[in-house]
N, C-alpha and C. Protein backbone atom coordinates (compact mmCIF):
# COMPACT_ATOMS: atom_id res chain seq x y z
N MET A 1 160.18 217.62 -27.41
CA MET A 1 159.94 217.62 -25.98
C MET A 1 159.25 218.90 -25.55
N ALA A 2 159.61 220.01 -26.18
CA ALA A 2 158.99 221.29 -25.83
C ALA A 2 157.48 221.24 -26.06
N GLY A 3 157.05 220.56 -27.13
CA GLY A 3 155.63 220.43 -27.42
C GLY A 3 154.91 219.65 -26.33
N VAL A 4 155.50 218.54 -25.88
CA VAL A 4 154.90 217.74 -24.82
C VAL A 4 154.78 218.58 -23.56
N GLU A 5 155.85 219.27 -23.20
CA GLU A 5 155.85 220.08 -21.98
C GLU A 5 154.83 221.22 -22.07
N THR A 6 154.72 221.85 -23.22
CA THR A 6 153.81 222.98 -23.39
C THR A 6 152.35 222.53 -23.41
N LEU A 7 152.06 221.49 -24.15
CA LEU A 7 150.67 221.07 -24.32
C LEU A 7 150.11 220.30 -23.14
N HIS A 8 150.95 219.65 -22.39
CA HIS A 8 150.51 218.75 -21.34
C HIS A 8 149.49 219.38 -20.40
N ALA A 9 149.68 220.59 -20.00
CA ALA A 9 148.77 221.23 -19.05
C ALA A 9 147.48 221.73 -19.70
N HIS A 10 147.38 221.64 -21.02
CA HIS A 10 146.25 222.25 -21.72
C HIS A 10 145.38 221.25 -22.49
N VAL A 11 145.70 219.98 -22.43
CA VAL A 11 144.95 218.99 -23.22
C VAL A 11 144.55 217.80 -22.36
N ALA A 12 143.50 217.12 -22.79
CA ALA A 12 143.08 215.89 -22.12
C ALA A 12 143.74 214.67 -22.73
N VAL A 13 144.14 214.81 -24.00
CA VAL A 13 144.76 213.70 -24.73
C VAL A 13 145.96 214.24 -25.50
N LEU A 14 147.06 213.54 -25.42
CA LEU A 14 148.25 213.90 -26.18
C LEU A 14 148.55 212.75 -27.13
N VAL A 15 148.70 213.06 -28.41
CA VAL A 15 148.95 212.04 -29.42
C VAL A 15 150.40 212.14 -29.88
N ILE A 16 151.13 211.05 -29.74
CA ILE A 16 152.52 210.98 -30.18
C ILE A 16 152.54 210.40 -31.59
N VAL A 17 153.16 211.12 -32.51
CA VAL A 17 153.29 210.66 -33.89
C VAL A 17 154.78 210.66 -34.23
N ASP A 18 155.34 209.48 -34.36
CA ASP A 18 156.74 209.31 -34.74
C ASP A 18 156.73 208.42 -35.97
N VAL A 19 156.63 209.04 -37.13
CA VAL A 19 156.41 208.28 -38.36
C VAL A 19 157.63 207.53 -38.87
N LEU A 20 158.81 207.76 -38.29
CA LEU A 20 159.98 207.04 -38.77
C LEU A 20 159.85 205.55 -38.50
N SER A 21 159.32 205.14 -37.36
CA SER A 21 159.04 203.72 -37.14
C SER A 21 158.35 203.45 -35.82
N PHE A 22 158.59 204.24 -34.80
CA PHE A 22 158.03 203.95 -33.47
C PHE A 22 156.52 203.77 -33.52
N SER A 23 155.80 204.73 -34.07
CA SER A 23 154.34 204.67 -34.07
C SER A 23 153.82 203.46 -34.84
N THR A 24 154.43 203.16 -35.95
CA THR A 24 154.01 201.99 -36.72
C THR A 24 154.35 200.71 -35.98
N ALA A 25 155.51 200.66 -35.34
CA ALA A 25 155.88 199.48 -34.55
C ALA A 25 154.88 199.25 -33.42
N VAL A 26 154.48 200.32 -32.74
CA VAL A 26 153.49 200.20 -31.66
C VAL A 26 152.18 199.66 -32.23
N ASP A 27 151.74 200.21 -33.36
CA ASP A 27 150.48 199.77 -33.96
C ASP A 27 150.54 198.30 -34.37
N VAL A 28 151.62 197.89 -35.01
CA VAL A 28 151.75 196.49 -35.44
C VAL A 28 151.73 195.57 -34.23
N ALA A 29 152.51 195.88 -33.21
CA ALA A 29 152.57 195.02 -32.02
C ALA A 29 151.22 194.99 -31.30
N ALA A 30 150.59 196.14 -31.12
CA ALA A 30 149.31 196.20 -30.43
C ALA A 30 148.22 195.47 -31.21
N SER A 31 148.25 195.58 -32.52
CA SER A 31 147.23 194.91 -33.34
C SER A 31 147.36 193.39 -33.26
N ARG A 32 148.53 192.90 -32.86
CA ARG A 32 148.76 191.46 -32.70
C ARG A 32 148.51 191.03 -31.25
N GLY A 33 148.10 191.99 -30.39
CA GLY A 33 147.78 191.65 -29.00
C GLY A 33 148.92 191.83 -28.02
N ALA A 34 150.00 192.46 -28.45
CA ALA A 34 151.12 192.71 -27.54
C ALA A 34 150.83 193.93 -26.67
N ILE A 35 151.51 194.00 -25.55
CA ILE A 35 151.44 195.15 -24.66
C ILE A 35 152.78 195.87 -24.80
N VAL A 36 152.73 197.13 -25.23
CA VAL A 36 153.96 197.86 -25.52
C VAL A 36 154.27 198.85 -24.41
N TYR A 37 155.50 198.79 -23.94
CA TYR A 37 156.02 199.74 -22.96
C TYR A 37 157.04 200.62 -23.68
N PRO A 38 156.68 201.88 -23.99
CA PRO A 38 157.67 202.75 -24.63
C PRO A 38 158.80 203.04 -23.65
N PHE A 39 159.97 203.27 -24.20
CA PHE A 39 161.13 203.52 -23.34
C PHE A 39 162.09 204.46 -24.05
N PRO A 40 162.67 205.42 -23.32
CA PRO A 40 163.64 206.33 -23.94
C PRO A 40 164.89 205.57 -24.39
N PHE A 41 165.28 205.74 -25.63
CA PHE A 41 166.46 205.06 -26.16
C PHE A 41 167.71 205.43 -25.40
N SER A 42 167.79 206.67 -24.93
CA SER A 42 168.98 207.13 -24.21
C SER A 42 169.18 206.37 -22.90
N GLU A 43 168.16 205.71 -22.41
CA GLU A 43 168.24 204.94 -21.18
C GLU A 43 168.23 203.44 -21.45
N ALA A 44 168.74 203.04 -22.61
CA ALA A 44 168.66 201.65 -23.06
C ALA A 44 169.25 200.66 -22.05
N GLN A 45 170.28 201.05 -21.33
CA GLN A 45 170.87 200.13 -20.37
C GLN A 45 169.90 199.81 -19.24
N ALA A 46 169.07 200.77 -18.87
CA ALA A 46 168.10 200.56 -17.82
C ALA A 46 166.89 199.77 -18.32
N ALA A 47 166.71 199.69 -19.63
CA ALA A 47 165.54 199.02 -20.20
C ALA A 47 165.42 197.58 -19.72
N GLN A 48 166.51 196.85 -19.69
CA GLN A 48 166.44 195.44 -19.29
C GLN A 48 166.02 195.31 -17.83
N LEU A 49 166.51 196.18 -16.97
CA LEU A 49 166.14 196.12 -15.55
C LEU A 49 164.63 196.34 -15.37
N ILE A 50 164.11 197.32 -16.06
CA ILE A 50 162.68 197.62 -15.94
C ILE A 50 161.86 196.54 -16.64
N ALA A 51 162.34 196.06 -17.77
CA ALA A 51 161.63 194.99 -18.47
C ALA A 51 161.53 193.75 -17.59
N ASP A 52 162.59 193.43 -16.87
CA ASP A 52 162.56 192.29 -15.96
C ASP A 52 161.48 192.47 -14.89
N ARG A 53 161.31 193.69 -14.40
CA ARG A 53 160.29 193.96 -13.37
C ARG A 53 158.88 193.72 -13.86
N VAL A 54 158.62 194.03 -15.13
CA VAL A 54 157.25 193.89 -15.65
C VAL A 54 157.08 192.62 -16.50
N GLY A 55 158.14 191.84 -16.62
CA GLY A 55 158.06 190.61 -17.40
C GLY A 55 158.03 190.83 -18.90
N ALA A 56 158.75 191.85 -19.36
CA ALA A 56 158.76 192.20 -20.78
C ALA A 56 160.06 191.78 -21.44
N VAL A 57 160.01 191.64 -22.76
CA VAL A 57 161.21 191.45 -23.56
C VAL A 57 161.59 192.82 -24.12
N VAL A 58 162.87 193.06 -24.26
CA VAL A 58 163.35 194.34 -24.78
C VAL A 58 163.61 194.22 -26.27
N ALA A 59 163.03 195.12 -27.04
CA ALA A 59 163.33 195.17 -28.47
C ALA A 59 164.78 195.57 -28.63
N ARG A 60 165.46 194.90 -29.52
CA ARG A 60 166.88 195.16 -29.74
C ARG A 60 167.05 196.24 -30.81
N PRO A 61 168.20 196.88 -30.84
CA PRO A 61 168.47 197.81 -31.94
C PRO A 61 168.39 197.07 -33.27
N ARG A 62 167.93 197.74 -34.31
CA ARG A 62 167.75 197.09 -35.62
C ARG A 62 169.01 196.38 -36.10
N HIS A 63 170.15 197.05 -35.96
CA HIS A 63 171.39 196.47 -36.49
C HIS A 63 171.89 195.29 -35.67
N LYS A 64 171.28 195.06 -34.49
CA LYS A 64 171.67 193.93 -33.65
C LYS A 64 170.50 192.97 -33.42
N ALA A 65 169.41 193.14 -34.15
CA ALA A 65 168.20 192.37 -33.88
C ALA A 65 168.37 190.87 -34.12
N GLU A 66 169.06 190.49 -35.19
CA GLU A 66 169.34 189.09 -35.49
C GLU A 66 168.11 188.20 -35.30
N GLY A 67 166.99 188.61 -35.92
CA GLY A 67 165.77 187.80 -35.84
C GLY A 67 164.92 188.06 -34.62
N GLN A 68 165.37 188.92 -33.72
CA GLN A 68 164.60 189.26 -32.53
C GLN A 68 163.71 190.47 -32.82
N PHE A 69 162.86 190.82 -31.88
CA PHE A 69 162.02 192.00 -32.03
C PHE A 69 162.89 193.25 -31.99
N SER A 70 162.53 194.23 -32.82
CA SER A 70 163.25 195.50 -32.85
C SER A 70 162.26 196.61 -33.12
N LEU A 71 162.77 197.80 -33.33
CA LEU A 71 161.93 198.95 -33.66
C LEU A 71 161.38 198.84 -35.07
N SER A 72 161.86 197.92 -35.84
CA SER A 72 161.36 197.69 -37.19
C SER A 72 159.97 197.06 -37.12
N PRO A 73 158.95 197.72 -37.69
CA PRO A 73 157.61 197.13 -37.68
C PRO A 73 157.58 195.72 -38.27
N ALA A 74 158.40 195.45 -39.28
CA ALA A 74 158.43 194.12 -39.89
C ALA A 74 158.82 193.03 -38.89
N SER A 75 159.66 193.37 -37.92
CA SER A 75 160.09 192.37 -36.93
C SER A 75 158.97 192.00 -35.97
N LEU A 76 157.90 192.78 -35.96
CA LEU A 76 156.82 192.57 -35.00
C LEU A 76 155.57 191.92 -35.60
N THR A 77 155.63 191.58 -36.87
CA THR A 77 154.43 191.03 -37.52
C THR A 77 154.05 189.66 -36.99
N ARG A 78 154.95 189.00 -36.30
CA ARG A 78 154.65 187.68 -35.74
C ARG A 78 154.78 187.66 -34.22
N ILE A 79 154.70 188.81 -33.59
CA ILE A 79 154.81 188.86 -32.13
C ILE A 79 153.60 188.15 -31.53
N PRO A 80 153.80 187.25 -30.60
CA PRO A 80 152.68 186.50 -30.03
C PRO A 80 151.75 187.39 -29.18
N ASN A 81 150.47 187.06 -29.24
CA ASN A 81 149.47 187.74 -28.43
C ASN A 81 149.88 187.68 -26.95
N GLY A 82 149.75 188.79 -26.26
CA GLY A 82 150.07 188.85 -24.83
C GLY A 82 151.53 189.14 -24.52
N THR A 83 152.39 189.22 -25.53
CA THR A 83 153.80 189.54 -25.29
C THR A 83 153.91 190.95 -24.73
N LYS A 84 154.71 191.10 -23.70
CA LYS A 84 155.03 192.42 -23.16
C LYS A 84 156.34 192.85 -23.81
N LEU A 85 156.31 194.00 -24.49
CA LEU A 85 157.46 194.45 -25.27
C LEU A 85 157.92 195.82 -24.79
N MET A 86 159.15 195.89 -24.33
CA MET A 86 159.79 197.17 -23.99
C MET A 86 160.38 197.69 -25.29
N LEU A 87 159.91 198.87 -25.73
CA LEU A 87 160.29 199.39 -27.04
C LEU A 87 161.07 200.70 -26.90
N PRO A 88 162.40 200.61 -26.81
CA PRO A 88 163.22 201.83 -26.74
C PRO A 88 163.19 202.57 -28.08
N SER A 89 163.04 203.88 -28.01
CA SER A 89 163.00 204.70 -29.21
C SER A 89 163.53 206.09 -28.89
N LEU A 90 164.34 206.59 -29.80
CA LEU A 90 164.95 207.90 -29.61
C LEU A 90 163.92 209.01 -29.47
N ASN A 91 162.89 209.00 -30.30
CA ASN A 91 161.89 210.08 -30.26
C ASN A 91 160.57 209.61 -29.65
N GLY A 92 159.89 208.69 -30.29
CA GLY A 92 158.57 208.27 -29.84
C GLY A 92 158.55 207.71 -28.44
N GLY A 93 159.50 206.87 -28.11
CA GLY A 93 159.57 206.29 -26.76
C GLY A 93 159.86 207.36 -25.72
N ARG A 94 160.80 208.21 -26.03
CA ARG A 94 161.17 209.28 -25.09
C ARG A 94 159.99 210.22 -24.84
N LEU A 95 159.30 210.62 -25.91
CA LEU A 95 158.18 211.54 -25.76
C LEU A 95 157.00 210.88 -25.07
N SER A 96 156.74 209.62 -25.36
CA SER A 96 155.64 208.91 -24.70
C SER A 96 155.87 208.80 -23.21
N VAL A 97 157.07 208.44 -22.82
CA VAL A 97 157.39 208.32 -21.40
C VAL A 97 157.31 209.69 -20.72
N ALA A 98 157.83 210.72 -21.36
CA ALA A 98 157.76 212.07 -20.79
C ALA A 98 156.32 212.51 -20.60
N ALA A 99 155.47 212.23 -21.58
CA ALA A 99 154.06 212.61 -21.47
C ALA A 99 153.39 211.87 -20.33
N GLY A 100 153.73 210.61 -20.15
CA GLY A 100 153.15 209.82 -19.07
C GLY A 100 153.66 210.18 -17.69
N ARG A 101 154.85 210.74 -17.61
CA ARG A 101 155.45 211.11 -16.32
C ARG A 101 155.09 212.52 -15.87
N ALA A 102 154.63 213.35 -16.78
CA ALA A 102 154.36 214.75 -16.45
C ALA A 102 153.26 214.84 -15.40
N PRO A 103 153.26 215.91 -14.63
CA PRO A 103 152.23 216.08 -13.60
C PRO A 103 150.83 216.11 -14.21
N GLY A 104 149.86 215.61 -13.47
CA GLY A 104 148.50 215.56 -13.98
C GLY A 104 148.29 214.29 -14.76
N ARG A 105 147.06 213.96 -15.00
CA ARG A 105 146.76 212.72 -15.72
C ARG A 105 146.11 213.04 -17.05
N ILE A 106 146.79 212.72 -18.12
CA ILE A 106 146.20 212.83 -19.45
C ILE A 106 146.36 211.48 -20.13
N SER A 107 145.59 211.26 -21.15
CA SER A 107 145.75 210.04 -21.95
C SER A 107 146.81 210.30 -23.01
N VAL A 108 147.65 209.30 -23.26
CA VAL A 108 148.68 209.40 -24.28
C VAL A 108 148.42 208.29 -25.30
N LEU A 109 148.25 208.69 -26.55
CA LEU A 109 148.01 207.75 -27.65
C LEU A 109 149.16 207.84 -28.64
N THR A 110 149.35 206.76 -29.40
CA THR A 110 150.36 206.74 -30.45
C THR A 110 149.65 206.59 -31.79
N CYS A 111 150.01 207.46 -32.73
CA CYS A 111 149.34 207.48 -34.03
C CYS A 111 150.34 207.30 -35.16
N CYS A 112 149.92 206.52 -36.17
CA CYS A 112 150.72 206.35 -37.38
C CYS A 112 149.75 206.37 -38.56
N LEU A 113 150.25 206.22 -39.76
CA LEU A 113 149.39 206.24 -40.94
C LEU A 113 148.39 205.08 -40.94
N ARG A 114 148.71 203.99 -40.27
CA ARG A 114 147.83 202.81 -40.25
C ARG A 114 146.63 202.98 -39.33
N ASN A 115 146.71 203.83 -38.30
CA ASN A 115 145.65 203.87 -37.30
C ASN A 115 145.06 205.26 -37.06
N THR A 116 145.18 206.16 -38.00
CA THR A 116 144.73 207.54 -37.77
C THR A 116 143.25 207.63 -37.42
N ALA A 117 142.41 206.91 -38.12
CA ALA A 117 140.97 207.00 -37.84
C ALA A 117 140.64 206.50 -36.44
N ALA A 118 141.22 205.38 -36.05
CA ALA A 118 140.97 204.82 -34.72
C ALA A 118 141.50 205.75 -33.62
N VAL A 119 142.66 206.34 -33.84
CA VAL A 119 143.22 207.25 -32.85
C VAL A 119 142.36 208.50 -32.72
N ALA A 120 141.85 209.00 -33.85
CA ALA A 120 140.99 210.19 -33.80
C ALA A 120 139.72 209.90 -32.99
N VAL A 121 139.11 208.76 -33.22
CA VAL A 121 137.89 208.39 -32.47
C VAL A 121 138.22 208.23 -30.98
N ALA A 122 139.30 207.54 -30.68
CA ALA A 122 139.69 207.33 -29.29
C ALA A 122 140.01 208.65 -28.60
N ALA A 123 140.74 209.53 -29.28
CA ALA A 123 141.11 210.83 -28.69
C ALA A 123 139.86 211.65 -28.40
N GLN A 124 138.90 211.66 -29.32
CA GLN A 124 137.67 212.41 -29.10
C GLN A 124 136.90 211.83 -27.91
N ALA A 125 136.82 210.53 -27.83
CA ALA A 125 136.09 209.90 -26.73
C ALA A 125 136.77 210.17 -25.39
N LEU A 126 138.09 210.05 -25.36
CA LEU A 126 138.83 210.29 -24.11
C LEU A 126 138.75 211.75 -23.67
N ALA A 127 138.66 212.66 -24.63
CA ALA A 127 138.58 214.08 -24.32
C ALA A 127 137.14 214.52 -24.04
N GLY A 128 136.19 213.61 -24.25
CA GLY A 128 134.79 213.95 -24.03
C GLY A 128 134.17 214.67 -25.20
N ASP A 129 134.81 214.60 -26.36
CA ASP A 129 134.31 215.30 -27.56
C ASP A 129 133.70 214.35 -28.59
N GLY A 130 133.73 213.06 -28.28
CA GLY A 130 133.26 212.09 -29.28
C GLY A 130 131.81 211.72 -29.08
N PRO A 131 131.35 210.76 -29.89
CA PRO A 131 129.97 210.33 -29.83
C PRO A 131 129.55 209.82 -28.44
N SER A 132 130.52 209.24 -27.70
CA SER A 132 130.17 208.72 -26.38
C SER A 132 130.49 209.70 -25.28
N GLY A 133 131.03 210.90 -25.62
CA GLY A 133 131.48 211.85 -24.59
C GLY A 133 130.55 212.95 -24.30
């Protein structure tokens, strides 16, 4: 969190990398056409209320997933195109939401081993440092 708070005022793009599963889960869901709403895991009880407002389904904890979507990337390999997914996560979700709520407007991207090249190109373009910037 200290990194998000420190860098936020000094960058045009902030990249969240949570390699334990959040970033890969976001990439898998997004590559299938889902819309991912990161959410702080500590606020999991509020997740359903907010998900209802935006028409999203809430990913369940892995140990309670029972065939439903969870933070496990494998659970998202068949997520239907256009699904809105509220994805609570202890680190990645919390940091993504904090970055999006901080004063000022910056772009927030999620990066994992599967999408590093695409995130680098997008970050450069959003910051005005890429081929189109």
